Amino acid sequence: MTENGELLRTERLVKYFPVRGGILSREVAQVKAVDGVDLSIKEGETLGLVGESGCGKSTLGRTILRLLEPTSGEIYFEGQPITRLPHSEMREIRRKMQIIFQDPYSSLNRRMTVGDIVGEAFSIHKIAKGEKRREMVTELLLQVGLREEALNHYPHEFSGGQRQRIGIARALAVKPKLIVADEPISALDVSIQAQILNLMVELQTKFNLTYLFIAHDLRLVEHISDRIAVMYLGKVVELADGKTLYFAHHHPYAHALLSAVPLPNPKAKLGKERVILEGDVPSPINRPPGCVFRPRCRYATDLCMEEEPMLRQTDPDDPEHLTACHHAEEASKTYETRKIIKSLEVERRTLDRTEK
């Protein structure tokens, strides 16, 4: 960990995938899945990462762990550059960086028992074997809410929520500092999601874990995250404290995402404006020049076409609230004005109904 408490940092991190074509299968284009991402995560915090499907969230998480090799940029873990470390040296780093996958079934080897799945890390890293290994696996299963009897059973014998608990136990086996949670509850029933989420919060407190929590459900991200980063087409377009992002966001895309979050009470639409984005998401192979959100933005100008916006401080009172938008200040003022107008309209309708 660095002096400022930073556990992980990325600088201009890029991950492109080649597109091949022709008889000789030559590279004809590139899919720009992650394109120049700057992020930092402090020890013990949870950074939520949200965005539409296909925006590059999962690719970013796997590139940080070097499950996918970055095209360019830098990754620092505990102040140490790990971008170009050989695999022999990465083995020790991987003990401190683990992942929980989205699908709790396909991520588990169906031919191995739960005891072997969770205990495999103990063998690979030469931590324990024999009876000691069994005791440590049993303790991990108890920590995630499973019984000792699960040791000798196979993944298909468990429910989705139980399989995800097995995945969490496997991630905890080597006592990591950072866990990338790649949409860990999206494949589960709604009734089980809260249980897994609460388990992760409990484990974070108990083991001082740091999470990069990737999800598309903004309400869940708000519940678990200290800070939230919004991604669009391979780029982080806004980064802020969790509460700040929900109530004082600046980027037009963040506004559109949050306007789509359903309210617990559909009749309680106080201050809520539904934003419908026009057009389609541009291709990650052939991106528009300038701002990637420009083709769908109501505030776009010639400047947005000519110059790509960088993440910058857009709240004079909050140095950690960063937005990649040339017109962030204008957009945020417009949101507030519309919110006030909407609130007044709701209040007026309420009074009219009362008088009647």
Protein backbone atom coordinates (compact mmCIF):
# COMPACT_ATOMS: atom_id res chain seq x y z
CA MET A 1 0.00 0.00 0.00
CA THR A 2 1.24 3.52 -0.81
CA GLU A 3 1.52 6.43 1.61
CA ASN A 4 -1.89 7.84 0.61
CA GLY A 5 -3.60 4.48 1.27
CA GLU A 6 -3.85 3.59 -2.40
CA LEU A 7 -3.94 -0.16 -3.04
CA LEU A 8 -4.46 -0.16 -6.82
CA ARG A 9 -3.97 2.41 -9.55
CA THR A 10 -4.26 2.32 -13.32
CA GLU A 11 -2.83 4.92 -15.68
CA ARG A 12 -4.14 5.21 -19.24
CA LEU A 13 -4.95 1.49 -19.23
CA VAL A 14 -5.82 0.15 -22.68
CA LYS A 15 -7.11 -3.21 -23.88
CA TYR A 16 -7.79 -3.71 -27.60
CA PHE A 17 -8.87 -6.94 -29.27
CA PRO A 18 -7.80 -7.56 -32.87
CA VAL A 19 -10.41 -8.09 -35.60
CA ARG A 20 -9.10 -10.40 -38.29
CA GLY A 21 -10.33 -10.93 -41.80
CA GLY A 22 -9.38 -12.08 -45.27
CA ILE A 23 -7.80 -15.29 -46.44
CA LEU A 24 -4.65 -14.74 -44.36
CA SER A 25 -6.60 -13.66 -41.25
CA ARG A 26 -4.74 -10.38 -41.02
CA GLU A 27 -5.67 -7.77 -38.46
CA VAL A 28 -8.08 -5.37 -40.15
CA ALA A 29 -9.37 -3.45 -37.12
CA GLN A 30 -9.42 -3.34 -33.33
CA VAL A 31 -12.18 -3.53 -30.76
CA LYS A 32 -11.38 -0.80 -28.23
CA ALA A 33 -12.83 -2.47 -25.15
CA VAL A 34 -10.88 -0.40 -22.60
CA ASP A 35 -9.45 2.88 -23.81
CA GLY A 36 -7.25 4.93 -21.49
CA VAL A 37 -8.74 4.31 -18.04
CA ASP A 38 -7.36 6.08 -14.96
CA LEU A 39 -8.61 4.63 -11.67
CA SER A 40 -7.43 4.29 -8.10
CA ILE A 41 -8.80 2.20 -5.24
CA LYS A 42 -7.88 2.79 -1.60
CA GLU A 43 -7.36 -0.07 0.82
CA GLY A 44 -10.59 -1.16 2.48
CA GLU A 45 -12.94 0.69 0.15
CA THR A 46 -15.41 -0.50 -2.46
CA LEU A 47 -15.27 1.10 -5.89
CA GLY A 48 -18.43 0.44 -7.89
CA LEU A 49 -18.11 0.23 -11.67
CA VAL A 50 -21.33 0.68 -13.67
CA GLY A 51 -22.38 1.08 -17.27
CA GLU A 52 -24.33 -0.54 -20.08
CA SER A 53 -23.59 -4.06 -21.26
CA GLY A 54 -20.59 -4.02 -23.59
CA CYS A 55 -19.05 -0.85 -22.15
CA GLY A 56 -15.88 -2.68 -21.04
CA LYS A 57 -16.51 -3.17 -17.30
CA SER A 58 -15.62 -6.86 -17.14
CA THR A 59 -12.71 -6.44 -19.54
CA LEU A 60 -11.29 -3.71 -17.30
CA GLY A 61 -11.58 -5.93 -14.21
CA ARG A 62 -9.85 -8.86 -15.89
CA THR A 63 -7.15 -6.65 -17.37
CA ILE A 64 -6.38 -5.22 -13.92
CA LEU A 65 -5.81 -8.80 -12.71
CA ARG A 66 -3.87 -9.56 -15.90
CA LEU A 67 -6.21 -12.39 -16.77
CA LEU A 68 -6.20 -10.41 -20.00
CA GLU A 69 -2.90 -8.81 -20.95
CA PRO A 70 -3.16 -5.01 -21.36
CA THR A 71 -2.39 -3.47 -24.74
CA SER A 72 -0.75 -0.46 -23.08
CA GLY A 73 -0.87 1.64 -19.94
CA GLU A 74 0.24 0.90 -16.40
CA ILE A 75 -1.16 -1.05 -13.45
CA TYR A 76 0.22 -0.42 -9.96
CA PHE A 77 -0.56 -2.67 -7.00
CA GLU A 78 0.66 -1.57 -3.57
CA GLY A 79 2.80 0.97 -5.41
CA GLN A 80 4.51 -1.70 -7.50
CA PRO A 81 4.17 -1.70 -11.31
CA ILE A 82 2.81 -5.10 -12.35
CA THR A 83 1.94 -4.46 -16.00
CA ARG A 84 4.97 -6.26 -17.39
CA LEU A 85 5.87 -8.62 -14.56
CA PRO A 86 6.68 -12.15 -15.80
CA HIS A 87 4.17 -14.85 -14.89
CA SER A 88 6.55 -16.37 -12.34
CA GLU A 89 6.52 -13.09 -10.36
CA MET A 90 2.79 -12.53 -10.91
CA ARG A 91 2.05 -15.78 -9.04
CA GLU A 92 2.89 -14.13 -5.71
CA ILE A 93 0.88 -11.01 -6.65
CA ARG A 94 -2.14 -13.16 -7.55
CA ARG A 95 -2.36 -14.30 -3.93
CA LYS A 96 -3.36 -10.73 -3.14
CA MET A 97 -5.73 -10.22 -6.10
CA GLN A 98 -8.69 -12.52 -6.68
CA ILE A 99 -11.92 -12.54 -8.69
CA ILE A 100 -15.52 -13.62 -8.15
CA PHE A 101 -17.07 -14.51 -11.50
CA GLN A 102 -20.54 -13.65 -12.72
CA ASP A 103 -21.77 -17.17 -13.46
CA PRO A 104 -21.47 -19.33 -10.33
CA TYR A 105 -21.91 -22.54 -12.33
CA SER A 106 -19.63 -22.27 -15.35
CA SER A 107 -16.84 -20.79 -13.19
CA LEU A 108 -16.69 -23.97 -11.06
CA ASN A 109 -15.18 -27.20 -12.33
CA ARG A 110 -18.13 -29.60 -12.32
CA ARG A 111 -15.78 -32.62 -12.11
CA MET A 112 -14.23 -31.47 -8.84
CA THR A 113 -15.74 -31.61 -5.37
CA VAL A 114 -16.24 -28.42 -3.42
CA GLY A 115 -13.34 -29.41 -1.14
CA ASP A 116 -11.01 -29.69 -4.13
CA ILE A 117 -12.29 -26.46 -5.75
CA VAL A 118 -11.76 -24.33 -2.63
CA GLY A 119 -8.62 -26.18 -1.55
CA GLU A 120 -6.91 -26.05 -4.94
CA ALA A 121 -5.34 -22.68 -4.10
CA PHE A 122 -3.73 -24.16 -0.97
CA SER A 123 -1.98 -26.74 -3.15
CA ILE A 124 -0.94 -24.34 -5.93
CA HIS A 125 0.58 -21.84 -3.50
CA LYS A 126 1.89 -24.57 -1.18
CA ILE A 127 0.00 -23.22 1.81
CA ALA A 128 -1.34 -26.47 3.29
CA LYS A 129 -2.03 -30.10 2.48
CA GLY A 130 -3.64 -33.17 3.99
CA GLU A 131 -5.71 -32.74 7.12
CA LYS A 132 -4.59 -29.14 7.60
CA ARG A 133 -5.89 -28.32 4.11
CA ARG A 134 -9.24 -29.94 4.91
CA GLU A 135 -9.56 -27.95 8.13
CA MET A 136 -8.85 -24.67 6.34
CA VAL A 137 -11.36 -25.45 3.58
CA THR A 138 -14.00 -26.33 6.18
CA GLU A 139 -13.39 -23.05 7.98
CA LEU A 140 -13.80 -21.12 4.73
CA LEU A 141 -17.08 -22.86 3.93
CA LEU A 142 -18.41 -22.02 7.38
CA GLN A 143 -17.35 -18.39 6.87
CA VAL A 144 -19.54 -18.12 3.75
CA GLY A 145 -22.54 -19.90 5.26
CA LEU A 146 -22.07 -23.48 4.03
CA ARG A 147 -21.86 -26.69 6.05
CA GLU A 148 -18.89 -29.00 6.34
CA GLU A 149 -20.85 -31.69 4.44
CA ALA A 150 -20.45 -29.60 1.29
CA LEU A 151 -16.80 -30.72 1.05
CA ASN A 152 -17.58 -33.97 -0.73
CA HIS A 153 -20.36 -32.72 -3.00
CA TYR A 154 -20.19 -31.41 -6.58
CA PRO A 155 -21.27 -27.95 -7.88
CA HIS A 156 -24.41 -29.26 -9.64
CA GLU A 157 -25.79 -30.38 -6.28
CA PHE A 158 -26.09 -26.80 -5.05
CA SER A 159 -28.38 -23.85 -5.81
CA GLY A 160 -27.13 -20.74 -7.59
CA GLY A 161 -26.69 -18.83 -4.35
CA GLN A 162 -24.79 -21.69 -2.75
CA ARG A 163 -22.53 -22.02 -5.79
CA GLN A 164 -21.70 -18.33 -5.56
CA ARG A 165 -20.81 -18.82 -1.90
CA ILE A 166 -18.40 -21.53 -3.05
CA GLY A 167 -16.89 -19.04 -5.51
CA ILE A 168 -16.50 -16.49 -2.72
CA ALA A 169 -14.83 -19.09 -0.48
CA ARG A 170 -12.41 -19.94 -3.29
CA ALA A 171 -11.53 -16.25 -3.70
CA LEU A 172 -10.89 -15.91 0.05
CA ALA A 173 -8.67 -19.00 0.26
CA VAL A 174 -5.36 -17.17 -0.24
CA LYS A 175 -6.32 -14.20 1.97
CA PRO A 176 -6.38 -11.57 -0.79
CA LYS A 177 -6.36 -7.82 -0.33
CA LEU A 178 -8.27 -6.98 -3.52
CA ILE A 179 -11.29 -8.83 -4.94
CA VAL A 180 -12.74 -8.00 -8.35
CA ALA A 181 -16.43 -8.91 -8.11
CA ASP A 182 -17.57 -9.25 -11.72
CA GLU A 183 -21.36 -8.89 -11.47
CA PRO A 184 -21.44 -11.51 -8.71
CA ILE A 185 -25.21 -11.42 -8.14
CA SER A 186 -26.68 -10.68 -11.58
CA ALA A 187 -27.19 -14.40 -12.37
CA LEU A 188 -28.99 -15.05 -9.06
CA ASP A 189 -32.64 -14.86 -8.03
CA VAL A 190 -33.67 -11.53 -6.55
CA SER A 191 -34.45 -13.25 -3.24
CA ILE A 192 -30.84 -14.47 -3.02
CA GLN A 193 -29.08 -11.32 -4.22
CA ALA A 194 -29.45 -9.45 -0.92
CA GLN A 195 -28.05 -12.43 1.02
CA ILE A 196 -24.90 -12.58 -1.12
CA LEU A 197 -24.50 -8.81 -1.01
CA ASN A 198 -24.79 -8.74 2.78
CA LEU A 199 -22.31 -11.62 3.00
CA MET A 200 -19.78 -9.68 0.93
CA VAL A 201 -20.20 -6.60 3.15
CA GLU A 202 -19.72 -8.74 6.25
CA LEU A 203 -16.60 -10.42 4.85
CA GLN A 204 -15.15 -7.06 3.81
CA THR A 205 -15.36 -5.81 7.39
CA LYS A 206 -14.03 -9.06 8.83
CA PHE A 207 -11.03 -9.46 6.51
CA ASN A 208 -10.40 -5.81 5.55
CA LEU A 209 -11.06 -6.55 1.88
CA THR A 210 -10.99 -4.07 -0.97
CA TYR A 211 -13.57 -4.52 -3.72
CA LEU A 212 -13.87 -3.49 -7.34
CA PHE A 213 -17.60 -4.19 -7.62
CA ILE A 214 -18.77 -4.44 -11.23
CA ALA A 215 -22.52 -4.32 -11.82
CA HIS A 216 -25.28 -2.88 -13.96
CA ASP A 217 -27.85 -2.56 -11.14
CA LEU A 218 -27.25 0.96 -9.90
CA ARG A 219 -29.29 0.58 -6.73
CA LEU A 220 -27.18 -2.34 -5.55
CA VAL A 221 -23.99 -0.46 -6.39
CA GLU A 222 -25.20 2.50 -4.35
CA HIS A 223 -25.80 0.20 -1.38
CA ILE A 224 -22.32 -1.35 -1.32
CA SER A 225 -19.97 1.27 -2.84
CA ASP A 226 -17.94 4.07 -1.30
CA ARG A 227 -17.21 5.59 -4.72
CA ILE A 228 -18.70 4.89 -8.13
CA ALA A 229 -17.16 5.08 -11.60
CA VAL A 230 -19.42 5.27 -14.66
CA MET A 231 -18.11 3.69 -17.87
CA TYR A 232 -19.22 4.33 -21.43
CA LEU A 233 -17.68 2.71 -24.50
CA GLY A 234 -14.40 1.82 -22.80
CA LYS A 235 -13.92 5.09 -20.94
CA VAL A 236 -14.68 6.33 -17.43
CA VAL A 237 -16.93 9.37 -17.88
CA GLU A 238 -17.67 10.19 -14.24
CA LEU A 239 -16.17 9.29 -10.87
CA ALA A 240 -17.59 10.43 -7.55
CA ASP A 241 -18.62 9.48 -4.04
CA GLY A 242 -21.62 7.14 -4.06
CA LYS A 243 -24.15 9.61 -2.64
CA THR A 244 -22.75 12.47 -4.71
CA LEU A 245 -23.15 10.55 -7.94
CA TYR A 246 -26.77 9.74 -7.22
CA PHE A 247 -27.85 13.20 -6.11
CA ALA A 248 -25.41 15.59 -7.82
CA HIS A 249 -24.11 13.86 -10.95
CA HIS A 250 -22.69 15.97 -13.78
CA HIS A 251 -22.36 13.79 -16.87
CA PRO A 252 -25.35 13.48 -19.26
CA TYR A 253 -24.84 9.73 -19.54
CA ALA A 254 -24.89 9.30 -15.74
CA HIS A 255 -28.11 11.30 -15.69
CA ALA A 256 -29.67 8.99 -18.30
CA LEU A 257 -28.57 5.86 -16.41
CA LEU A 258 -29.95 7.08 -13.09
CA SER A 259 -33.22 8.22 -14.61
CA ALA A 260 -33.84 4.61 -15.69
CA VAL A 261 -33.57 3.23 -12.14
CA PRO A 262 -37.08 2.14 -11.05
CA LEU A 263 -38.47 3.70 -7.90
CA PRO A 264 -39.86 1.52 -5.07
CA ASN A 265 -43.10 3.50 -5.33
CA PRO A 266 -43.96 4.19 -9.00
CA LYS A 267 -46.26 7.05 -7.96
CA ALA A 268 -43.49 8.86 -6.10
CA LYS A 269 -41.80 10.58 -9.03
CA LEU A 270 -40.76 13.69 -7.15
CA GLY A 271 -37.99 15.43 -9.08
CA LYS A 272 -37.42 12.45 -11.38
CA GLU A 273 -37.08 13.05 -15.12
CA ARG A 274 -36.92 10.05 -17.45
CA VAL A 275 -34.22 10.56 -20.07
CA ILE A 276 -34.51 8.56 -23.28
CA LEU A 277 -31.21 8.42 -25.15
CA GLU A 278 -31.58 8.67 -28.91
CA GLY A 279 -29.57 6.64 -31.38
CA ASP A 280 -27.46 3.56 -30.80
CA VAL A 281 -24.18 3.04 -28.96
CA PRO A 282 -21.37 3.64 -31.49
CA SER A 283 -19.27 0.68 -32.53
CA PRO A 284 -16.15 0.12 -30.39
CA ILE A 285 -14.36 -0.65 -33.66
CA ASN A 286 -15.20 2.66 -35.35
CA ARG A 287 -15.64 5.30 -32.71
CA PRO A 288 -16.75 8.88 -33.40
CA PRO A 289 -14.06 11.56 -33.09
CA GLY A 290 -13.95 13.67 -29.96
CA CYS A 291 -16.34 12.72 -27.15
CA VAL A 292 -17.59 9.12 -27.48
CA PHE A 293 -20.98 10.11 -26.03
CA ARG A 294 -21.47 13.01 -28.46
CA PRO A 295 -23.84 11.25 -30.93
CA ARG A 296 -26.38 10.69 -28.13
CA CYS A 297 -25.87 13.86 -26.06
CA ARG A 298 -28.31 16.76 -25.95
CA TYR A 299 -25.52 19.17 -24.97
CA ALA A 300 -23.10 18.30 -27.81
CA THR A 301 -21.37 21.15 -29.64
CA ASP A 302 -18.58 21.49 -32.20
CA LEU A 303 -16.06 21.39 -29.34
CA CYS A 304 -17.26 17.87 -28.44
CA MET A 305 -16.52 16.73 -31.99
CA GLU A 306 -13.08 18.33 -32.14
CA GLU A 307 -11.68 17.54 -28.69
CA GLU A 308 -11.97 14.49 -26.46
CA PRO A 309 -12.89 15.52 -22.88
CA MET A 310 -10.59 14.34 -20.10
CA LEU A 311 -11.60 13.54 -16.52
CA ARG A 312 -11.46 16.79 -14.57
CA GLN A 313 -12.75 18.28 -11.34
CA THR A 314 -16.23 19.67 -12.01
CA ASP A 315 -17.31 20.44 -8.44
CA PRO A 316 -15.27 23.29 -6.91
CA ASP A 317 -15.99 21.93 -3.42
CA ASP A 318 -15.19 18.29 -4.18
CA PRO A 319 -11.77 17.49 -5.70
CA GLU A 320 -12.70 13.80 -6.00
CA HIS A 321 -15.74 14.44 -8.21
CA LEU A 322 -14.37 14.04 -11.74
CA THR A 323 -16.27 14.22 -15.02
CA ALA A 324 -15.20 13.77 -18.65
CA CYS A 325 -17.51 16.34 -20.24
CA HIS A 326 -16.91 19.78 -21.77
CA HIS A 327 -20.35 20.95 -20.60
CA ALA A 328 -20.60 19.23 -17.20
CA GLU A 329 -21.29 22.44 -15.27
CA GLU A 330 -24.03 23.49 -17.69
CA ALA A 331 -25.61 20.03 -17.63
CA SER A 332 -25.61 19.82 -13.82
CA LYS A 333 -27.35 23.20 -13.55
CA THR A 334 -29.96 22.06 -16.07
CA TYR A 335 -30.63 18.90 -14.01
CA GLU A 336 -31.18 20.99 -10.88
CA THR A 337 -33.53 23.40 -12.66
CA ARG A 338 -35.59 20.55 -14.09
CA LYS A 339 -35.69 18.86 -10.71
CA ILE A 340 -37.07 22.01 -9.08
CA ILE A 341 -39.68 22.46 -11.83
CA LYS A 342 -40.71 18.81 -11.55
CA SER A 343 -41.00 19.10 -7.78
CA LEU A 344 -43.21 22.19 -8.10
CA GLU A 345 -45.44 20.41 -10.62
CA VAL A 346 -45.88 17.43 -8.31
CA GLU A 347 -46.61 19.74 -5.37
CA ARG A 348 -49.18 21.66 -7.42
CA ARG A 349 -50.96 18.46 -8.53
CA THR A 350 -51.01 17.24 -4.92
CA LEU A 351 -52.62 20.49 -3.77
CA ASP A 352 -55.19 20.33 -6.59
CA ARG A 353 -56.22 16.81 -5.56
CA THR A 354 -56.47 17.89 -1.91
CA GLU A 355 -58.75 20.83 -2.76
CA LYS A 356 -61.02 18.59 -4.81
